[in-house]
Amino acid sequence: MKINKTLTSVVMAAGMTMGLAQAAKAEVWDMPLAYSGSNFHSVTAAEFGQCVTTGTGGEIEIVTHPSGSLIKGADIKRAVQTGQVPIGERLLSGHQNENAIFGFDSVPFLATSFDDADRLWKAAKPSIEQTLADQNLTLLYAVPWPPQGLYFKREINSVADMEGIKFRSYNNTTTRLAELTGMLPVVIEAAEISQAFATGVVESMVSSGATGYDRKIWESLTHFYEVDAWLPRNYIIVNSDSWNSTSDANKNVIRGCAELAEYAGTWRSKEYTGFTLAGLRAGGMTVEPAGAKLKGELQDIGATMTSDWLSAAGAEGQAIVDRYKAMQ
């Protein structure tokens, strides 16, 4: 694969540069990940870790721990913030209850394509970096998920058909979506998805084709509706104390590896979109755009949720939206 060849060449170049001097004793950075090792975010994170380990000549060794095996997804941000681990990956919109700004990438129908999501990220990045810095966190890179769609275990033609369905919630946006559609929100972390659907704890979710494909969701559900609701991002964050104690040379290596990882991860996300939807179909699921009635009702709900978010995010949130719209 072209991306893998590029990654290999950069890792080798970094290793030749930094490996000329004998490496000091390795400083191990354990990096918890919420998603399975086969998920494209985790694959990208593992390659980022390899790039850093090689590029620093072994002075910093990043070891990834997928599937919430080291720290559960909801606890990763706090663990990095407090120095329990030096680095980790997190879906920041899962923390918009502590600061609405973290939910900018999950405002329904604000950015529904990769190009729009890229512009929205450029508009929001300064605010996100400053908010994280205030929490003793330094942003390294961010990668978008494919567009989010709706999963069900039966045909859905309108919002009325959703009433009473148990719906997977993982942030304020998904909880509010459940409330506005009459579904029942149940908090489920990524690592628990397969078991939750298999046991009937939940019956529906909004997520990308990638999540459904990775979890073989066709074993429990039957329908995926393409609504392109939003493209949330996973963020790689490092404890600022750990970052500040890192040498300038190693910081440069980490920044270079992070830039490459963001490019590679975004490329994978785009490529994975079509592949995973085909995989859902191959598994026996019905994959199709939402019908006109359902789409219209969801657009109305999206307008309500956008208003909710702007009220919570205040002037800073409005500034992000204004900057984003100015780029269109």
C-alpha atoms as a PDB file:
ATOM      1  CA  MET A   1       0.000   0.000   0.000  1.00  0.00           C
ATOM      2  CA  LYS A   2       1.343   3.431  -0.932  1.00  0.00           C
ATOM      3  CA  ILE A   3       0.808   4.935   2.505  1.00  0.00           C
ATOM      4  CA  ASN A   4       2.656   2.090   4.210  1.00  0.00           C
ATOM      5  CA  LYS A   5       5.629   2.529   1.859  1.00  0.00           C
ATOM      6  CA  THR A   6       5.705   6.231   2.647  1.00  0.00           C
ATOM      7  CA  LEU A   7       5.571   5.549   6.370  1.00  0.00           C
ATOM      8  CA  THR A   8       8.379   3.032   6.083  1.00  0.00           C
ATOM      9  CA  SER A   9      10.628   5.419   4.202  1.00  0.00           C
ATOM     10  CA  VAL A  10      10.050   8.210   6.733  1.00  0.00           C
ATOM     11  CA  VAL A  11      10.685   5.881   9.649  1.00  0.00           C
ATOM     12  CA  MET A  12      13.907   4.673   8.057  1.00  0.00           C
ATOM     13  CA  ALA A  13      15.067   8.215   7.339  1.00  0.00           C
ATOM     14  CA  ALA A  14      14.300   9.303  10.884  1.00  0.00           C
ATOM     15  CA  GLY A  15      16.060   6.246  12.256  1.00  0.00           C
ATOM     16  CA  MET A  16      19.210   6.933  10.221  1.00  0.00           C
ATOM     17  CA  THR A  17      19.242  10.524  11.429  1.00  0.00           C
ATOM     18  CA  MET A  18      18.730   9.834  15.105  1.00  0.00           C
ATOM     19  CA  GLY A  19      20.353   6.432  15.246  1.00  0.00           C
ATOM     20  CA  LEU A  20      23.842   7.722  14.423  1.00  0.00           C
ATOM     21  CA  ALA A  21      24.421   8.360  18.110  1.00  0.00           C
ATOM     22  CA  GLN A  22      23.956   5.621  20.650  1.00  0.00           C
ATOM     23  CA  ALA A  23      20.479   5.880  22.136  1.00  0.00           C
ATOM     24  CA  ALA A  24      20.024   6.559  25.807  1.00  0.00           C
ATOM     25  CA  LYS A  25      17.968   4.183  27.896  1.00  0.00           C
ATOM     26  CA  ALA A  26      14.479   4.082  26.380  1.00  0.00           C
ATOM     27  CA  GLU A  27      11.746   6.130  28.011  1.00  0.00           C
ATOM     28  CA  VAL A  28       8.575   4.086  27.515  1.00  0.00           C
ATOM     29  CA  TRP A  29       5.403   6.001  26.713  1.00  0.00           C
ATOM     30  CA  ASP A  30       2.384   3.725  27.158  1.00  0.00           C
ATOM     31  CA  MET A  31      -0.378   4.918  24.815  1.00  0.00           C
ATOM     32  CA  PRO A  32      -3.940   3.719  25.595  1.00  0.00           C
ATOM     33  CA  LEU A  33      -6.396   3.460  22.691  1.00  0.00           C
ATOM     34  CA  ALA A  34     -10.148   2.936  22.941  1.00  0.00           C
ATOM     35  CA  TYR A  35     -10.613   1.043  19.684  1.00  0.00           C
ATOM     36  CA  SER A  36      -9.603  -2.419  18.503  1.00  0.00           C
ATOM     37  CA  GLY A  37      -6.127  -3.026  17.162  1.00  0.00           C
ATOM     38  CA  SER A  38      -7.532  -3.617  13.668  1.00  0.00           C
ATOM     39  CA  ASN A  39      -9.354  -0.265  13.556  1.00  0.00           C
ATOM     40  CA  PHE A  40      -7.662   2.187  11.195  1.00  0.00           C
ATOM     41  CA  HIS A  41      -7.178   4.728  13.991  1.00  0.00           C
ATOM     42  CA  SER A  42      -5.313   2.140  16.048  1.00  0.00           C
ATOM     43  CA  VAL A  43      -3.254   1.020  13.046  1.00  0.00           C
ATOM     44  CA  THR A  44      -2.260   4.642  12.410  1.00  0.00           C
ATOM     45  CA  ALA A  45      -1.419   5.154  16.094  1.00  0.00           C
ATOM     46  CA  ALA A  46       0.759   2.033  16.126  1.00  0.00           C
ATOM     47  CA  GLU A  47       2.676   3.284  13.065  1.00  0.00           C
ATOM     48  CA  PHE A  48       3.032   6.679  14.726  1.00  0.00           C
ATOM     49  CA  GLY A  49       4.503   4.937  17.761  1.00  0.00           C
ATOM     50  CA  GLN A  50       6.923   2.990  15.595  1.00  0.00           C
ATOM     51  CA  CYS A  51       7.929   6.182  13.793  1.00  0.00           C
ATOM     52  CA  VAL A  52       8.696   7.939  17.092  1.00  0.00           C
ATOM     53  CA  THR A  53      10.516   4.950  18.560  1.00  0.00           C
ATOM     54  CA  THR A  54      12.707   4.597  15.484  1.00  0.00           C
ATOM     55  CA  GLY A  55      13.095   8.310  14.873  1.00  0.00           C
ATOM     56  CA  THR A  56      14.315   9.037  18.393  1.00  0.00           C
ATOM     57  CA  GLY A  57      16.828   6.208  18.182  1.00  0.00           C
ATOM     58  CA  GLY A  58      14.945   4.407  20.931  1.00  0.00           C
ATOM     59  CA  GLU A  59      15.133   7.298  23.402  1.00  0.00           C
ATOM     60  CA  ILE A  60      11.325   7.356  23.464  1.00  0.00           C
ATOM     61  CA  GLU A  61       9.505   4.078  22.894  1.00  0.00           C
ATOM     62  CA  ILE A  62       5.759   4.413  22.331  1.00  0.00           C
ATOM     63  CA  VAL A  63       3.786   1.242  23.108  1.00  0.00           C
ATOM     64  CA  THR A  64       0.106   1.230  22.085  1.00  0.00           C
ATOM     65  CA  HIS A  65      -2.627  -0.560  24.081  1.00  0.00           C
ATOM     66  CA  PRO A  66      -5.824  -0.909  21.959  1.00  0.00           C
ATOM     67  CA  SER A  67      -9.371  -1.925  22.904  1.00  0.00           C
ATOM     68  CA  GLY A  68      -9.320  -0.048  26.211  1.00  0.00           C
ATOM     69  CA  SER A  69      -7.016  -2.789  27.528  1.00  0.00           C
ATOM     70  CA  LEU A  70      -4.875  -0.409  29.590  1.00  0.00           C
ATOM     71  CA  ILE A  71      -7.372   2.376  30.312  1.00  0.00           C
ATOM     72  CA  LYS A  72     -11.026   2.523  29.285  1.00  0.00           C
ATOM     73  CA  GLY A  73     -11.919   5.047  26.601  1.00  0.00           C
ATOM     74  CA  ALA A  74     -13.820   7.427  28.849  1.00  0.00           C
ATOM     75  CA  ASP A  75     -10.870   7.601  31.250  1.00  0.00           C
ATOM     76  CA  ILE A  76      -8.042   8.126  28.730  1.00  0.00           C
ATOM     77  CA  LYS A  77      -8.142  11.918  28.625  1.00  0.00           C
ATOM     78  CA  ARG A  78      -8.036  12.210  32.408  1.00  0.00           C
ATOM     79  CA  ALA A  79      -5.217   9.658  32.613  1.00  0.00           C
ATOM     80  CA  VAL A  80      -3.080  11.698  30.211  1.00  0.00           C
ATOM     81  CA  GLN A  81      -4.020  14.967  31.885  1.00  0.00           C
ATOM     82  CA  THR A  82      -2.927  13.756  35.317  1.00  0.00           C
ATOM     83  CA  GLY A  83       0.221  12.005  34.091  1.00  0.00           C
ATOM     84  CA  GLN A  84      -0.979   8.462  34.758  1.00  0.00           C
ATOM     85  CA  VAL A  85       0.154   7.851  31.166  1.00  0.00           C
ATOM     86  CA  PRO A  86       2.121  10.322  29.037  1.00  0.00           C
ATOM     87  CA  ILE A  87       0.114   9.970  25.812  1.00  0.00           C
ATOM     88  CA  GLY A  88      -3.220   8.643  24.571  1.00  0.00           C
ATOM     89  CA  GLU A  89      -5.933   8.809  21.935  1.00  0.00           C
ATOM     90  CA  ARG A  90      -9.434  10.039  22.646  1.00  0.00           C
ATOM     91  CA  LEU A  91     -12.657  11.068  20.918  1.00  0.00           C
ATOM     92  CA  LEU A  92     -12.808  14.526  22.488  1.00  0.00           C
ATOM     93  CA  SER A  93     -16.514  14.985  21.746  1.00  0.00           C
ATOM     94  CA  GLY A  94     -17.000  12.415  24.492  1.00  0.00           C
ATOM     95  CA  HIS A  95     -16.008  15.203  26.893  1.00  0.00           C
ATOM     96  CA  GLN A  96     -18.217  18.020  25.654  1.00  0.00           C
ATOM     97  CA  ASN A  97     -20.079  17.881  28.963  1.00  0.00           C
ATOM     98  CA  GLU A  98     -16.990  19.522  30.533  1.00  0.00           C
ATOM     99  CA  ASN A  99     -16.539  22.002  27.665  1.00  0.00           C
ATOM    100  CA  ALA A 100     -18.944  22.387  24.755  1.00  0.00           C
ATOM    101  CA  ILE A 101     -16.068  23.348  22.435  1.00  0.00           C
ATOM    102  CA  PHE A 102     -14.994  19.698  22.404  1.00  0.00           C
ATOM    103  CA  GLY A 103     -18.219  18.903  20.546  1.00  0.00           C
ATOM    104  CA  PHE A 104     -17.617  21.176  17.547  1.00  0.00           C
ATOM    105  CA  ASP A 105     -17.011  18.173  15.274  1.00  0.00           C
ATOM    106  CA  SER A 106     -20.278  16.480  16.273  1.00  0.00           C
ATOM    107  CA  VAL A 107     -22.735  19.255  15.458  1.00  0.00           C
ATOM    108  CA  PRO A 108     -25.254  17.491  13.196  1.00  0.00           C
ATOM    109  CA  PHE A 109     -25.116  18.413   9.510  1.00  0.00           C
ATOM    110  CA  LEU A 110     -22.638  21.265  10.016  1.00  0.00           C
ATOM    111  CA  ALA A 111     -19.858  19.423   8.150  1.00  0.00           C
ATOM    112  CA  THR A 112     -21.007  16.375   6.198  1.00  0.00           C
ATOM    113  CA  SER A 113     -18.031  15.660   3.907  1.00  0.00           C
ATOM    114  CA  PHE A 114     -14.287  15.215   4.336  1.00  0.00           C
ATOM    115  CA  ASP A 115     -13.602  18.588   2.705  1.00  0.00           C
ATOM    116  CA  ASP A 116     -16.073  20.357   4.975  1.00  0.00           C
ATOM    117  CA  ALA A 117     -14.713  18.521   8.023  1.00  0.00           C
ATOM    118  CA  ASP A 118     -11.196  19.651   7.109  1.00  0.00           C
ATOM    119  CA  ARG A 119     -12.313  23.278   6.912  1.00  0.00           C
ATOM    120  CA  LEU A 120     -14.186  22.984  10.193  1.00  0.00           C
ATOM    121  CA  TRP A 121     -11.065  21.527  11.829  1.00  0.00           C
ATOM    122  CA  LYS A 122      -8.940  24.431  10.599  1.00  0.00           C
ATOM    123  CA  ALA A 123     -11.510  26.837  12.013  1.00  0.00           C
ATOM    124  CA  ALA A 124     -11.632  25.102  15.397  1.00  0.00           C
ATOM    125  CA  LYS A 125      -8.025  23.994  15.884  1.00  0.00           C
ATOM    126  CA  PRO A 126      -6.739  27.150  17.652  1.00  0.00           C
ATOM    127  CA  SER A 127      -9.581  26.935  20.189  1.00  0.00           C
ATOM    128  CA  ILE A 128      -9.058  23.214  20.758  1.00  0.00           C
ATOM    129  CA  GLU A 129      -5.305  23.631  21.231  1.00  0.00           C
ATOM    130  CA  GLN A 130      -5.787  26.419  23.760  1.00  0.00           C
ATOM    131  CA  THR A 131      -8.488  24.538  25.659  1.00  0.00           C
ATOM    132  CA  LEU A 132      -6.253  21.480  25.877  1.00  0.00           C
ATOM    133  CA  ALA A 133      -3.251  23.575  26.904  1.00  0.00           C
ATOM    134  CA  ASP A 134      -5.287  24.950  29.804  1.00  0.00           C
ATOM    135  CA  GLN A 135      -5.781  21.342  30.925  1.00  0.00           C
ATOM    136  CA  ASN A 136      -2.079  20.418  30.803  1.00  0.00           C
ATOM    137  CA  LEU A 137      -2.496  18.680  27.437  1.00  0.00           C
ATOM    138  CA  THR A 138      -0.688  19.170  24.129  1.00  0.00           C
ATOM    139  CA  LEU A 139      -2.313  18.191  20.840  1.00  0.00           C
ATOM    140  CA  LEU A 140      -0.187  16.117  18.467  1.00  0.00           C
ATOM    141  CA  TYR A 141      -2.588  15.170  15.681  1.00  0.00           C
ATOM    142  CA  ALA A 142      -6.227  14.447  14.859  1.00  0.00           C
ATOM    143  CA  VAL A 143      -7.874  12.084  12.360  1.00  0.00           C
ATOM    144  CA  PRO A 144     -11.523  12.150  11.229  1.00  0.00           C
ATOM    145  CA  TRP A 145     -13.890   9.217  11.234  1.00  0.00           C
ATOM    146  CA  PRO A 146     -15.896   8.516   8.067  1.00  0.00           C
ATOM    147  CA  PRO A 147     -19.346  10.164   7.872  1.00  0.00           C
ATOM    148  CA  GLN A 148     -21.735   8.936  10.552  1.00  0.00           C
ATOM    149  CA  GLY A 149     -24.859   6.952   9.717  1.00  0.00           C
ATOM    150  CA  LEU A 150     -27.635   5.250  11.645  1.00  0.00           C
ATOM    151  CA  TYR A 151     -27.717   1.532  12.480  1.00  0.00           C
ATOM    152  CA  PHE A 152     -30.933  -0.364  13.270  1.00  0.00           C
ATOM    153  CA  LYS A 153     -32.209  -3.918  13.520  1.00  0.00           C
ATOM    154  CA  ARG A 154     -35.262  -3.172  11.385  1.00  0.00           C
ATOM    155  CA  GLU A 155     -36.397  -0.858   8.598  1.00  0.00           C
ATOM    156  CA  ILE A 156     -36.827   2.769   9.670  1.00  0.00           C
ATOM    157  CA  ASN A 157     -38.741   5.250   7.532  1.00  0.00           C
ATOM    158  CA  SER A 158     -39.413   8.095   9.964  1.00  0.00           C
ATOM    159  CA  VAL A 159     -38.447   9.423  13.367  1.00  0.00           C
ATOM    160  CA  ALA A 160     -41.683   7.968  14.721  1.00  0.00           C
ATOM    161  CA  ASP A 161     -40.327   4.489  13.908  1.00  0.00           C
ATOM    162  CA  MET A 162     -37.442   5.092  16.347  1.00  0.00           C
ATOM    163  CA  GLU A 163     -39.553   5.584  19.459  1.00  0.00           C
ATOM    164  CA  GLY A 164     -38.505   3.374  22.354  1.00  0.00           C
ATOM    165  CA  ILE A 165     -35.423   1.896  20.647  1.00  0.00           C
ATOM    166  CA  LYS A 166     -32.405   1.485  22.931  1.00  0.00           C
ATOM    167  CA  PHE A 167     -29.701   3.702  21.425  1.00  0.00           C
ATOM    168  CA  ARG A 168     -25.956   3.692  22.071  1.00  0.00           C
ATOM    169  CA  SER A 169     -24.837   7.030  23.540  1.00  0.00           C
ATOM    170  CA  TYR A 170     -21.214   8.140  23.900  1.00  0.00           C
ATOM    171  CA  ASN A 171     -21.416  11.943  24.207  1.00  0.00           C
ATOM    172  CA  ASN A 172     -23.850  14.818  24.723  1.00  0.00           C
ATOM    173  CA  THR A 173     -24.712  14.920  21.022  1.00  0.00           C
ATOM    174  CA  THR A 174     -25.778  11.290  20.826  1.00  0.00           C
ATOM    175  CA  THR A 175     -27.727  11.538  24.076  1.00  0.00           C
ATOM    176  CA  ARG A 176     -29.588  14.580  22.776  1.00  0.00           C
ATOM    177  CA  LEU A 177     -30.229  12.847  19.438  1.00  0.00           C
ATOM    178  CA  ALA A 178     -31.810   9.957  21.301  1.00  0.00           C
ATOM    179  CA  GLU A 179     -34.010  12.312  23.304  1.00  0.00           C
ATOM    180  CA  LEU A 180     -35.218  14.225  20.254  1.00  0.00           C
ATOM    181  CA  THR A 181     -36.060  11.047  18.337  1.00  0.00           C
ATOM    182  CA  GLY A 182     -37.777   9.282  21.221  1.00  0.00           C
ATOM    183  CA  MET A 183     -35.060   6.655  21.598  1.00  0.00           C
ATOM    184  CA  LEU A 184     -33.610   5.547  24.931  1.00  0.00           C
ATOM    185  CA  PRO A 185     -29.927   6.503  25.388  1.00  0.00           C
ATOM    186  CA  VAL A 186     -27.599   3.879  26.887  1.00  0.00           C
ATOM    187  CA  VAL A 187     -23.939   4.791  27.489  1.00  0.00           C
ATOM    188  CA  ILE A 188     -21.692   2.239  25.779  1.00  0.00           C
ATOM    189  CA  GLU A 189     -17.950   2.612  25.171  1.00  0.00           C
ATOM    190  CA  ALA A 190     -16.390   1.491  21.881  1.00  0.00           C
ATOM    191  CA  ALA A 191     -14.801  -1.641  23.337  1.00  0.00           C
ATOM    192  CA  GLU A 192     -18.221  -2.824  24.584  1.00  0.00           C
ATOM    193  CA  ILE A 193     -20.173  -2.421  21.318  1.00  0.00           C
ATOM    194  CA  SER A 194     -20.209  -6.044  20.147  1.00  0.00           C
ATOM    195  CA  GLN A 195     -21.355  -7.444  23.481  1.00  0.00           C
ATOM    196  CA  ALA A 196     -23.935  -4.699  23.989  1.00  0.00           C
ATOM    197  CA  PHE A 197     -25.642  -5.433  20.672  1.00  0.00           C
ATOM    198  CA  ALA A 198     -25.333  -9.199  21.009  1.00  0.00           C
ATOM    199  CA  THR A 199     -27.062  -9.131  24.396  1.00  0.00           C
ATOM    200  CA  GLY A 200     -29.713  -6.565  23.448  1.00  0.00           C
ATOM    201  CA  VAL A 201     -28.466  -3.879  25.808  1.00  0.00           C
ATOM    202  CA  VAL A 202     -28.679  -1.532  22.808  1.00  0.00           C
ATOM    203  CA  GLU A 203     -30.448  -1.879  19.448  1.00  0.00           C
ATOM    204  CA  SER A 204     -29.241   1.130  17.476  1.00  0.00           C
ATOM    205  CA  MET A 205     -26.376   3.603  17.156  1.00  0.00           C
ATOM    206  CA  VAL A 206     -25.045   6.449  15.079  1.00  0.00           C
ATOM    207  CA  SER A 207     -21.544   5.654  13.879  1.00  0.00           C
ATOM    208  CA  SER A 208     -19.422   5.188  10.795  1.00  0.00           C
ATOM    209  CA  GLY A 209     -19.310   2.175   8.530  1.00  0.00           C
ATOM    210  CA  ALA A 210     -15.851   1.558   9.952  1.00  0.00           C
ATOM    211  CA  THR A 211     -17.141   0.869  13.466  1.00  0.00           C
ATOM    212  CA  GLY A 212     -19.847  -1.455  12.209  1.00  0.00           C
ATOM    213  CA  TYR A 213     -17.458  -3.326   9.945  1.00  0.00           C
ATOM    214  CA  ASP A 214     -14.778  -3.734  12.616  1.00  0.00           C
ATOM    215  CA  ARG A 215     -17.358  -5.087  15.062  1.00  0.00           C
ATOM    216  CA  LYS A 216     -19.180  -7.356  12.543  1.00  0.00           C
ATOM    217  CA  ILE A 217     -22.342  -5.532  13.452  1.00  0.00           C
ATOM    218  CA  TRP A 218     -24.339  -7.494  10.852  1.00  0.00           C
ATOM    219  CA  GLU A 219     -24.416 -10.313  13.394  1.00  0.00           C
ATOM    220  CA  SER A 220     -26.893  -8.222  15.433  1.00  0.00           C
ATOM    221  CA  LEU A 221     -28.287  -5.462  13.169  1.00  0.00           C
ATOM    222  CA  THR A 222     -29.831  -5.352   9.696  1.00  0.00           C
ATOM    223  CA  HIS A 223     -29.924  -1.747   8.392  1.00  0.00           C
ATOM    224  CA  PHE A 224     -27.438   1.097   7.939  1.00  0.00           C
ATOM    225  CA  TYR A 225     -28.765   4.456   6.742  1.00  0.00           C
ATOM    226  CA  GLU A 226     -26.308   6.891   5.173  1.00  0.00           C
ATOM    227  CA  VAL A 227     -27.188  10.281   6.669  1.00  0.00           C
ATOM    228  CA  ASP A 228     -23.663  11.806   6.809  1.00  0.00           C
ATOM    229  CA  ALA A 229     -24.537  13.434  10.113  1.00  0.00           C
ATOM    230  CA  TRP A 230     -21.007  14.504  11.105  1.00  0.00           C
ATOM    231  CA  LEU A 231     -17.353  13.412  10.956  1.00  0.00           C
ATOM    232  CA  PRO A 232     -15.983  13.335  14.522  1.00  0.00           C
ATOM    233  CA  ARG A 233     -12.245  13.170  15.196  1.00  0.00           C
ATOM    234  CA  ASN A 234      -9.940  11.106  17.321  1.00  0.00           C
ATOM    235  CA  TYR A 235      -7.164  13.148  18.930  1.00  0.00           C
ATOM    236  CA  ILE A 236      -3.701  12.121  20.058  1.00  0.00           C
ATOM    237  CA  ILE A 237      -2.814  14.142  23.133  1.00  0.00           C
ATOM    238  CA  VAL A 238       0.301  14.183  25.294  1.00  0.00           C
ATOM    239  CA  ASN A 239       0.731  15.315  28.875  1.00  0.00           C
ATOM    240  CA  SER A 240       2.269  18.806  28.693  1.00  0.00           C
ATOM    241  CA  ASP A 241       4.728  18.091  31.503  1.00  0.00           C
ATOM    242  CA  SER A 242       6.016  15.070  29.590  1.00  0.00           C
ATOM    243  CA  TRP A 243       6.116  17.130  26.402  1.00  0.00           C
ATOM    244  CA  ASN A 244       8.015  20.017  28.001  1.00  0.00           C
ATOM    245  CA  SER A 245      10.621  17.650  29.420  1.00  0.00           C
ATOM    246  CA  THR A 246      11.272  16.157  25.974  1.00  0.00           C
ATOM    247  CA  SER A 247      14.375  17.339  24.109  1.00  0.00           C
ATOM    248  CA  ASP A 248      13.925  19.685  21.162  1.00  0.00           C
ATOM    249  CA  ALA A 249      15.380  17.063  18.826  1.00  0.00           C
ATOM    250  CA  ASN A 250      12.868  14.459  19.951  1.00  0.00           C
ATOM    251  CA  LYS A 251      10.021  16.979  19.810  1.00  0.00           C
ATOM    252  CA  ASN A 252      10.896  17.589  16.169  1.00  0.00           C
ATOM    253  CA  VAL A 253      10.771  13.859  15.460  1.00  0.00           C
ATOM    254  CA  ILE A 254       7.423  13.504  17.243  1.00  0.00           C
ATOM    255  CA  ARG A 255       5.957  16.473  15.356  1.00  0.00           C
ATOM    256  CA  GLY A 256       7.123  15.010  12.050  1.00  0.00           C
ATOM    257  CA  CYS A 257       5.650  11.600  12.862  1.00  0.00           C
ATOM    258  CA  ALA A 258       2.410  13.258  14.000  1.00  0.00           C
ATOM    259  CA  GLU A 259       2.082  15.197  10.755  1.00  0.00           C
ATOM    260  CA  LEU A 260       2.575  12.027   8.745  1.00  0.00           C
ATOM    261  CA  ALA A 261       0.119  10.096  10.948  1.00  0.00           C
ATOM    262  CA  GLU A 262      -2.572  12.737  10.459  1.00  0.00           C
ATOM    263  CA  TYR A 263      -2.119  12.505   6.696  1.00  0.00           C
ATOM    264  CA  ALA A 264      -2.052   8.695   6.693  1.00  0.00           C
ATOM    265  CA  GLY A 265      -5.035   8.398   9.036  1.00  0.00           C
ATOM    266  CA  THR A 266      -7.138  10.812   6.996  1.00  0.00           C
ATOM    267  CA  TRP A 267      -6.243   8.944   3.814  1.00  0.00           C
ATOM    268  CA  ARG A 268      -7.254   5.674   5.439  1.00  0.00           C
ATOM    269  CA  SER A 269     -10.532   7.166   6.645  1.00  0.00           C
ATOM    270  CA  LYS A 270     -11.449   8.208   3.115  1.00  0.00           C
ATOM    271  CA  GLU A 271     -10.453   4.860   1.610  1.00  0.00           C
ATOM    272  CA  TYR A 272     -12.138   2.943   4.413  1.00  0.00           C
ATOM    273  CA  THR A 273     -15.493   4.637   3.875  1.00  0.00           C
ATOM    274  CA  GLY A 274     -16.396   2.793   0.670  1.00  0.00           C
ATOM    275  CA  PHE A 275     -14.647  -0.409   1.718  1.00  0.00           C
ATOM    276  CA  THR A 276     -16.527  -0.747   4.992  1.00  0.00           C
ATOM    277  CA  LEU A 277     -19.936   0.038   3.509  1.00  0.00           C
ATOM    278  CA  ALA A 278     -19.282  -2.720   0.960  1.00  0.00           C
ATOM    279  CA  GLY A 279     -18.310  -4.953   3.873  1.00  0.00           C
ATOM    280  CA  LEU A 280     -21.600  -4.256   5.652  1.00  0.00           C
ATOM    281  CA  ARG A 281     -23.473  -5.212   2.492  1.00  0.00           C
ATOM    282  CA  ALA A 282     -21.410  -8.375   2.140  1.00  0.00           C
ATOM    283  CA  GLY A 283     -22.355  -9.230   5.721  1.00  0.00           C
ATOM    284  CA  GLY A 284     -26.010  -9.115   4.711  1.00  0.00           C
ATOM    285  CA  MET A 285     -27.007  -5.620   5.841  1.00  0.00           C
ATOM    286  CA  THR A 286     -29.192  -3.226   3.906  1.00  0.00           C
ATOM    287  CA  VAL A 287     -27.053  -0.127   3.262  1.00  0.00           C
ATOM    288  CA  GLU A 288     -28.806   2.841   1.687  1.00  0.00           C
ATOM    289  CA  PRO A 289     -29.402   6.594   2.029  1.00  0.00           C
ATOM    290  CA  ALA A 290     -32.146   7.631   4.424  1.00  0.00           C
ATOM    291  CA  GLY A 291     -35.520   8.170   2.778  1.00  0.00           C
ATOM    292  CA  ALA A 292     -36.771  11.685   2.067  1.00  0.00           C
ATOM    293  CA  LYS A 293     -39.141  11.770   5.078  1.00  0.00           C
ATOM    294  CA  LEU A 294     -36.543  10.506   7.544  1.00  0.00           C
ATOM    295  CA  LYS A 295     -33.824  12.768   6.159  1.00  0.00           C
ATOM    296  CA  GLY A 296     -36.061  15.836   6.400  1.00  0.00           C
ATOM    297  CA  GLU A 297     -37.000  15.067   9.987  1.00  0.00           C
ATOM    298  CA  LEU A 298     -33.376  14.511  10.919  1.00  0.00           C
ATOM    299  CA  GLN A 299     -32.411  17.837   9.321  1.00  0.00           C
ATOM    300  CA  ASP A 300     -34.973  19.583  11.543  1.00  0.00           C
ATOM    301  CA  ILE A 301     -33.584  17.816  14.599  1.00  0.00           C
ATOM    302  CA  GLY A 302     -30.089  18.806  13.485  1.00  0.00           C
ATOM    303  CA  ALA A 303     -31.106  22.467  13.409  1.00  0.00           C
ATOM    304  CA  THR A 304     -32.358  22.188  16.992  1.00  0.00           C
ATOM    305  CA  MET A 305     -29.139  20.506  18.108  1.00  0.00           C
ATOM    306  CA  THR A 306     -26.990  23.124  16.359  1.00  0.00           C
ATOM    307  CA  SER A 307     -28.846  25.832  18.247  1.00  0.00           C
ATOM    308  CA  ASP A 308     -28.325  23.892  21.482  1.00  0.00           C
ATOM    309  CA  TRP A 309     -24.590  23.612  20.852  1.00  0.00           C
ATOM    310  CA  LEU A 310     -24.169  27.270  19.971  1.00  0.00           C
ATOM    311  CA  SER A 311     -25.950  28.243  23.180  1.00  0.00           C
ATOM    312  CA  ALA A 312     -23.631  26.013  25.209  1.00  0.00           C
ATOM    313  CA  ALA A 313     -20.431  26.977  23.353  1.00  0.00           C
ATOM    314  CA  GLY A 314     -21.142  30.717  23.472  1.00  0.00           C
ATOM    315  CA  ALA A 315     -19.099  33.303  21.613  1.00  0.00           C
ATOM    316  CA  GLU A 316     -16.193  30.933  21.021  1.00  0.00           C
ATOM    317  CA  GLY A 317     -18.452  28.378  19.381  1.00  0.00           C
ATOM    318  CA  GLN A 318     -20.050  31.029  17.196  1.00  0.00           C
ATOM    319  CA  ALA A 319     -16.588  32.243  16.175  1.00  0.00           C
ATOM    320  CA  ILE A 320     -15.665  28.713  15.064  1.00  0.00           C
ATOM    321  CA  VAL A 321     -18.809  28.449  12.950  1.00  0.00           C
ATOM    322  CA  ASP A 322     -18.243  31.925  11.490  1.00  0.00           C
ATOM    323  CA  ARG A 323     -14.648  31.093  10.549  1.00  0.00           C
ATOM    324  CA  TYR A 324     -15.770  27.820   9.027  1.00  0.00           C
ATOM    325  CA  LYS A 325     -18.504  29.413   6.934  1.00  0.00           C
ATOM    326  CA  ALA A 326     -16.078  32.079   5.728  1.00  0.00           C
ATOM    327  CA  MET A 327     -13.933  29.278   4.232  1.00  0.00           C
ATOM    328  CA  GLN A 328     -16.781  27.813   2.180  1.00  0.00           C
END
